[in-house]
Amino acid sequence: MIKGQKVVCINDTFNEFVRAVYKQLPDKGRTYTVREVFLGRERIVNGGDSATVGLLLDELHNPPDPFHVGKQELGFSSERFAPLEELPPEEAEVSEEEAAGSPKTGYWMN
């Protein structure tokens, strides 16, 4: 996942501790925009000793991680999200032309 990418939440199950320390949590099925990608700890509950890919999202803002020396904002495991499938830019242009009545062929279908 990369900064600016659209993702959809596939797991919004959180324990009570997480619900207590986060201000905003993602909702399953909702689309978000990746604000930042970072190397994070596996779990904040245990202080974490293994790394995982973490995400900050444009639509959600949370307090600093109480266990992080630099007080980085609490983020989410990338495993809770799936990339939102979008048309590649060149294929999106073709689809826009077709929608406008252009006789071009070869549009992308799901």
N, C-alpha and C. Protein backbone atom coordinates (compact mmCIF):
# COMPACT_ATOMS: atom_id res chain seq x y z
N MET A 1 0.84 -1.17 0.00
CA MET A 1 0.00 0.00 0.00
C MET A 1 0.89 1.24 0.00
N ILE A 2 0.40 2.27 -0.65
CA ILE A 2 1.19 3.49 -0.78
C ILE A 2 0.35 4.71 -0.41
N LYS A 3 1.04 5.77 -0.07
CA LYS A 3 0.40 7.03 0.29
C LYS A 3 -0.51 7.48 -0.85
N GLY A 4 -1.73 7.88 -0.52
CA GLY A 4 -2.69 8.34 -1.51
C GLY A 4 -3.59 7.24 -2.07
N GLN A 5 -3.26 5.99 -1.79
CA GLN A 5 -4.04 4.86 -2.30
C GLN A 5 -5.36 4.74 -1.56
N LYS A 6 -6.40 4.33 -2.27
CA LYS A 6 -7.71 4.06 -1.67
C LYS A 6 -7.72 2.61 -1.19
N VAL A 7 -8.22 2.39 0.02
CA VAL A 7 -8.32 1.06 0.59
C VAL A 7 -9.70 0.89 1.20
N VAL A 8 -10.13 -0.35 1.34
CA VAL A 8 -11.41 -0.63 1.97
C VAL A 8 -11.15 -1.48 3.22
N CYS A 9 -11.83 -1.16 4.31
CA CYS A 9 -11.65 -1.89 5.55
C CYS A 9 -12.32 -3.26 5.43
N ILE A 10 -11.56 -4.31 5.79
CA ILE A 10 -12.10 -5.67 5.74
C ILE A 10 -12.20 -6.30 7.13
N ASN A 11 -11.71 -5.59 8.15
CA ASN A 11 -11.75 -6.12 9.52
C ASN A 11 -11.88 -4.95 10.49
N ASP A 12 -13.06 -4.81 11.09
CA ASP A 12 -13.27 -3.74 12.06
C ASP A 12 -13.55 -4.29 13.46
N THR A 13 -13.01 -5.46 13.76
CA THR A 13 -13.16 -6.07 15.08
C THR A 13 -11.98 -5.64 15.95
N PHE A 14 -12.28 -4.93 17.05
CA PHE A 14 -11.25 -4.42 17.95
C PHE A 14 -11.60 -4.80 19.39
N ASN A 15 -10.56 -5.06 20.18
CA ASN A 15 -10.81 -5.38 21.59
C ASN A 15 -11.13 -4.11 22.38
N GLU A 16 -11.53 -4.26 23.62
CA GLU A 16 -11.95 -3.13 24.45
C GLU A 16 -10.80 -2.15 24.72
N PHE A 17 -9.57 -2.66 24.88
CA PHE A 17 -8.44 -1.78 25.12
C PHE A 17 -8.26 -0.82 23.94
N VAL A 18 -8.28 -1.36 22.73
CA VAL A 18 -8.12 -0.53 21.53
C VAL A 18 -9.25 0.48 21.45
N ARG A 19 -10.47 0.05 21.71
CA ARG A 19 -11.62 0.97 21.68
C ARG A 19 -11.46 2.10 22.70
N ALA A 20 -10.76 1.83 23.80
CA ALA A 20 -10.57 2.83 24.85
C ALA A 20 -9.50 3.87 24.48
N VAL A 21 -8.44 3.45 23.78
CA VAL A 21 -7.34 4.39 23.50
C VAL A 21 -7.47 5.10 22.15
N TYR A 22 -8.18 4.55 21.20
CA TYR A 22 -8.37 5.19 19.90
C TYR A 22 -9.59 6.11 19.96
N LYS A 23 -9.53 7.23 19.26
CA LYS A 23 -10.68 8.12 19.15
C LYS A 23 -11.57 7.71 17.97
N GLN A 24 -10.92 7.28 16.86
CA GLN A 24 -11.65 6.93 15.65
C GLN A 24 -11.16 5.59 15.12
N LEU A 25 -12.10 4.72 14.78
CA LEU A 25 -11.79 3.40 14.24
C LEU A 25 -12.46 3.23 12.88
N PRO A 26 -11.86 2.43 12.00
CA PRO A 26 -12.46 2.22 10.69
C PRO A 26 -13.68 1.30 10.76
N ASP A 27 -14.55 1.44 9.78
CA ASP A 27 -15.74 0.61 9.67
C ASP A 27 -15.60 -0.32 8.47
N LYS A 28 -15.93 -1.59 8.68
CA LYS A 28 -15.85 -2.60 7.62
C LYS A 28 -16.69 -2.16 6.42
N GLY A 29 -16.08 -2.28 5.22
CA GLY A 29 -16.77 -1.93 3.99
C GLY A 29 -16.61 -0.48 3.58
N ARG A 30 -16.09 0.35 4.45
CA ARG A 30 -15.92 1.78 4.14
C ARG A 30 -14.56 2.00 3.46
N THR A 31 -14.51 2.97 2.56
CA THR A 31 -13.30 3.29 1.82
C THR A 31 -12.54 4.42 2.52
N TYR A 32 -11.20 4.28 2.56
CA TYR A 32 -10.32 5.26 3.20
C TYR A 32 -9.16 5.57 2.26
N THR A 33 -8.46 6.67 2.55
CA THR A 33 -7.28 7.08 1.78
C THR A 33 -6.06 6.97 2.67
N VAL A 34 -5.02 6.29 2.19
CA VAL A 34 -3.79 6.12 2.97
C VAL A 34 -3.08 7.47 3.08
N ARG A 35 -2.88 7.92 4.31
CA ARG A 35 -2.18 9.18 4.59
C ARG A 35 -0.69 8.94 4.78
N GLU A 36 -0.36 7.82 5.40
CA GLU A 36 1.03 7.49 5.69
C GLU A 36 1.18 5.99 5.85
N VAL A 37 2.32 5.45 5.43
CA VAL A 37 2.65 4.03 5.61
C VAL A 37 3.89 4.00 6.50
N PHE A 38 3.88 3.16 7.53
CA PHE A 38 5.02 3.12 8.45
C PHE A 38 5.25 1.70 8.95
N LEU A 39 6.44 1.48 9.49
CA LEU A 39 6.77 0.22 10.11
C LEU A 39 6.31 0.32 11.56
N GLY A 40 5.40 -0.56 11.95
CA GLY A 40 4.85 -0.50 13.30
C GLY A 40 5.09 -1.77 14.07
N ARG A 41 4.66 -1.76 15.32
CA ARG A 41 4.75 -2.95 16.16
C ARG A 41 3.53 -3.83 15.90
N GLU A 42 3.66 -5.09 16.23
CA GLU A 42 2.57 -6.05 16.00
C GLU A 42 1.34 -5.69 16.84
N ARG A 43 1.54 -5.42 18.12
CA ARG A 43 0.41 -5.12 18.99
C ARG A 43 0.82 -4.07 20.01
N ILE A 44 -0.03 -3.06 20.20
CA ILE A 44 0.28 -2.06 21.21
C ILE A 44 0.04 -2.61 22.60
N VAL A 45 -0.83 -3.60 22.72
CA VAL A 45 -1.16 -4.16 24.03
C VAL A 45 0.07 -4.76 24.70
N ASN A 46 0.89 -5.47 23.96
CA ASN A 46 2.06 -6.14 24.52
C ASN A 46 3.33 -5.29 24.42
N GLY A 47 3.23 -4.09 23.90
CA GLY A 47 4.43 -3.30 23.68
C GLY A 47 5.13 -3.72 22.41
N GLY A 48 4.72 -4.80 21.83
CA GLY A 48 5.16 -5.29 20.53
C GLY A 48 6.65 -5.44 20.32
N ASP A 49 7.09 -6.61 19.93
CA ASP A 49 8.50 -6.80 19.60
C ASP A 49 8.69 -7.27 18.17
N SER A 50 7.61 -7.41 17.40
CA SER A 50 7.73 -7.76 15.99
C SER A 50 7.08 -6.65 15.16
N ALA A 51 7.56 -6.50 13.94
CA ALA A 51 7.12 -5.39 13.10
C ALA A 51 5.99 -5.80 12.16
N THR A 52 5.21 -4.82 11.77
CA THR A 52 4.15 -4.98 10.80
C THR A 52 4.03 -3.67 10.02
N VAL A 53 3.33 -3.67 8.91
CA VAL A 53 3.11 -2.44 8.15
C VAL A 53 1.88 -1.76 8.73
N GLY A 54 2.06 -0.51 9.11
CA GLY A 54 0.97 0.26 9.68
C GLY A 54 0.52 1.35 8.73
N LEU A 55 -0.72 1.79 8.92
CA LEU A 55 -1.29 2.84 8.08
C LEU A 55 -1.91 3.94 8.93
N LEU A 56 -1.76 5.16 8.46
CA LEU A 56 -2.55 6.29 8.95
C LEU A 56 -3.47 6.64 7.80
N LEU A 57 -4.69 7.04 8.12
CA LEU A 57 -5.70 7.29 7.09
C LEU A 57 -6.15 8.75 7.13
N ASP A 58 -6.39 9.33 5.95
CA ASP A 58 -6.82 10.73 5.87
C ASP A 58 -8.10 10.97 6.66
N GLU A 59 -8.99 10.02 6.63
CA GLU A 59 -10.32 10.22 7.22
C GLU A 59 -10.37 10.00 8.73
N LEU A 60 -9.33 9.39 9.31
CA LEU A 60 -9.32 9.09 10.74
C LEU A 60 -8.07 9.67 11.41
N HIS A 61 -8.25 10.25 12.57
CA HIS A 61 -7.13 10.83 13.33
C HIS A 61 -7.23 10.37 14.77
N ASN A 62 -6.10 9.95 15.33
CA ASN A 62 -6.08 9.39 16.67
C ASN A 62 -4.97 10.01 17.51
N PRO A 63 -5.03 9.79 18.82
CA PRO A 63 -4.00 10.33 19.71
C PRO A 63 -2.66 9.61 19.53
N PRO A 64 -1.60 10.13 20.15
CA PRO A 64 -0.30 9.48 20.09
C PRO A 64 -0.33 8.10 20.74
N ASP A 65 0.49 7.20 20.21
CA ASP A 65 0.65 5.86 20.76
C ASP A 65 1.33 5.99 22.13
N PRO A 66 0.69 5.56 23.21
CA PRO A 66 1.27 5.71 24.55
C PRO A 66 2.55 4.90 24.75
N PHE A 67 2.81 3.91 23.90
CA PHE A 67 3.99 3.06 24.04
C PHE A 67 5.11 3.43 23.07
N HIS A 68 4.90 4.41 22.21
CA HIS A 68 5.90 4.79 21.21
C HIS A 68 6.75 5.94 21.74
N VAL A 69 8.07 5.77 21.71
CA VAL A 69 8.99 6.78 22.24
C VAL A 69 8.76 8.14 21.57
N GLY A 70 8.56 8.14 20.26
CA GLY A 70 8.35 9.38 19.52
C GLY A 70 6.92 9.87 19.53
N LYS A 71 6.04 9.17 20.25
CA LYS A 71 4.62 9.53 20.35
C LYS A 71 3.94 9.62 18.99
N GLN A 72 4.28 8.67 18.11
CA GLN A 72 3.64 8.59 16.79
C GLN A 72 2.15 8.35 16.96
N GLU A 73 1.35 8.89 16.07
CA GLU A 73 -0.11 8.69 16.10
C GLU A 73 -0.44 7.20 16.02
N LEU A 74 -1.44 6.79 16.76
CA LEU A 74 -1.92 5.41 16.70
C LEU A 74 -2.43 5.13 15.28
N GLY A 75 -1.95 4.06 14.69
CA GLY A 75 -2.35 3.70 13.33
C GLY A 75 -3.01 2.33 13.31
N PHE A 76 -3.15 1.79 12.12
CA PHE A 76 -3.84 0.52 11.94
C PHE A 76 -2.97 -0.44 11.13
N SER A 77 -3.08 -1.72 11.41
CA SER A 77 -2.39 -2.74 10.64
C SER A 77 -2.92 -2.73 9.21
N SER A 78 -2.01 -2.82 8.26
CA SER A 78 -2.42 -2.85 6.86
C SER A 78 -3.26 -4.09 6.55
N GLU A 79 -3.14 -5.11 7.39
CA GLU A 79 -3.90 -6.34 7.17
C GLU A 79 -5.40 -6.14 7.38
N ARG A 80 -5.80 -5.03 7.96
CA ARG A 80 -7.22 -4.73 8.15
C ARG A 80 -7.85 -4.14 6.88
N PHE A 81 -7.04 -3.92 5.84
CA PHE A 81 -7.51 -3.22 4.65
C PHE A 81 -7.12 -3.97 3.38
N ALA A 82 -7.94 -3.79 2.36
CA ALA A 82 -7.64 -4.33 1.03
C ALA A 82 -7.59 -3.15 0.06
N PRO A 83 -6.68 -3.20 -0.91
CA PRO A 83 -6.65 -2.12 -1.91
C PRO A 83 -7.97 -2.06 -2.66
N LEU A 84 -8.45 -0.87 -2.86
CA LEU A 84 -9.67 -0.68 -3.64
C LEU A 84 -9.29 -0.80 -5.10
N GLU A 85 -9.94 -1.69 -5.81
CA GLU A 85 -9.61 -1.89 -7.22
C GLU A 85 -10.16 -0.74 -8.04
N GLU A 86 -9.26 -0.07 -8.72
CA GLU A 86 -9.62 1.05 -9.57
C GLU A 86 -9.03 0.83 -10.96
N LEU A 87 -9.58 1.50 -11.94
CA LEU A 87 -9.04 1.42 -13.29
C LEU A 87 -7.66 2.04 -13.33
N PRO A 88 -6.71 1.42 -14.02
CA PRO A 88 -5.43 2.09 -14.25
C PRO A 88 -5.68 3.39 -15.01
N PRO A 89 -4.84 4.44 -14.84
CA PRO A 89 -5.10 5.76 -15.46
C PRO A 89 -5.38 5.70 -16.95
N GLU A 90 -4.60 4.92 -17.72
CA GLU A 90 -4.83 4.88 -19.17
C GLU A 90 -6.16 4.23 -19.51
N GLU A 91 -6.60 3.25 -18.74
CA GLU A 91 -7.89 2.60 -19.01
C GLU A 91 -9.04 3.48 -18.54
N ALA A 92 -8.82 4.27 -17.49
CA ALA A 92 -9.85 5.19 -17.03
C ALA A 92 -10.15 6.23 -18.09
N GLU A 93 -9.11 6.70 -18.80
CA GLU A 93 -9.30 7.66 -19.88
C GLU A 93 -10.16 7.06 -20.98
N VAL A 94 -9.92 5.82 -21.34
CA VAL A 94 -10.71 5.15 -22.37
C VAL A 94 -12.16 5.06 -21.94
N SER A 95 -12.41 4.70 -20.68
CA SER A 95 -13.78 4.57 -20.19
C SER A 95 -14.49 5.91 -20.18
N GLU A 96 -13.78 7.00 -19.85
CA GLU A 96 -14.39 8.32 -19.87
C GLU A 96 -14.78 8.71 -21.29
N GLU A 97 -13.94 8.38 -22.28
CA GLU A 97 -14.25 8.69 -23.67
C GLU A 97 -15.46 7.88 -24.12
N GLU A 98 -15.55 6.63 -23.70
CA GLU A 98 -16.69 5.80 -24.08
C GLU A 98 -17.97 6.36 -23.47
N ALA A 99 -17.88 6.83 -22.22
CA ALA A 99 -19.07 7.39 -21.56
C ALA A 99 -19.54 8.64 -22.29
N ALA A 100 -18.60 9.34 -22.93
CA ALA A 100 -18.94 10.56 -23.67
C ALA A 100 -19.41 10.25 -25.09
N GLY A 101 -19.49 8.97 -25.47
CA GLY A 101 -19.97 8.59 -26.79
C GLY A 101 -18.90 8.35 -27.82
N SER A 102 -17.64 8.26 -27.40
CA SER A 102 -16.55 7.98 -28.34
C SER A 102 -16.69 6.56 -28.87
N PRO A 103 -16.37 6.31 -30.12
CA PRO A 103 -16.52 4.98 -30.69
C PRO A 103 -15.40 4.01 -30.35
N LYS A 104 -14.48 4.35 -29.42
CA LYS A 104 -13.38 3.47 -29.08
C LYS A 104 -13.89 2.19 -28.44
N THR A 105 -13.11 1.12 -28.56
CA THR A 105 -13.46 -0.17 -27.95
C THR A 105 -12.38 -0.58 -26.99
N GLY A 106 -12.60 -1.69 -26.30
CA GLY A 106 -11.58 -2.25 -25.42
C GLY A 106 -11.65 -1.73 -23.99
N TYR A 107 -12.83 -1.46 -23.49
CA TYR A 107 -12.93 -1.00 -22.11
C TYR A 107 -12.75 -2.13 -21.13
N TRP A 108 -12.46 -1.77 -19.90
CA TRP A 108 -12.15 -2.73 -18.84
C TRP A 108 -13.42 -3.13 -18.14
N MET A 109 -13.60 -4.45 -17.92
CA MET A 109 -14.79 -4.95 -17.23
C MET A 109 -14.37 -5.75 -16.02
N ASN A 110 -15.17 -5.70 -14.95
CA ASN A 110 -14.91 -6.51 -13.75
C ASN A 110 -15.33 -7.94 -13.98
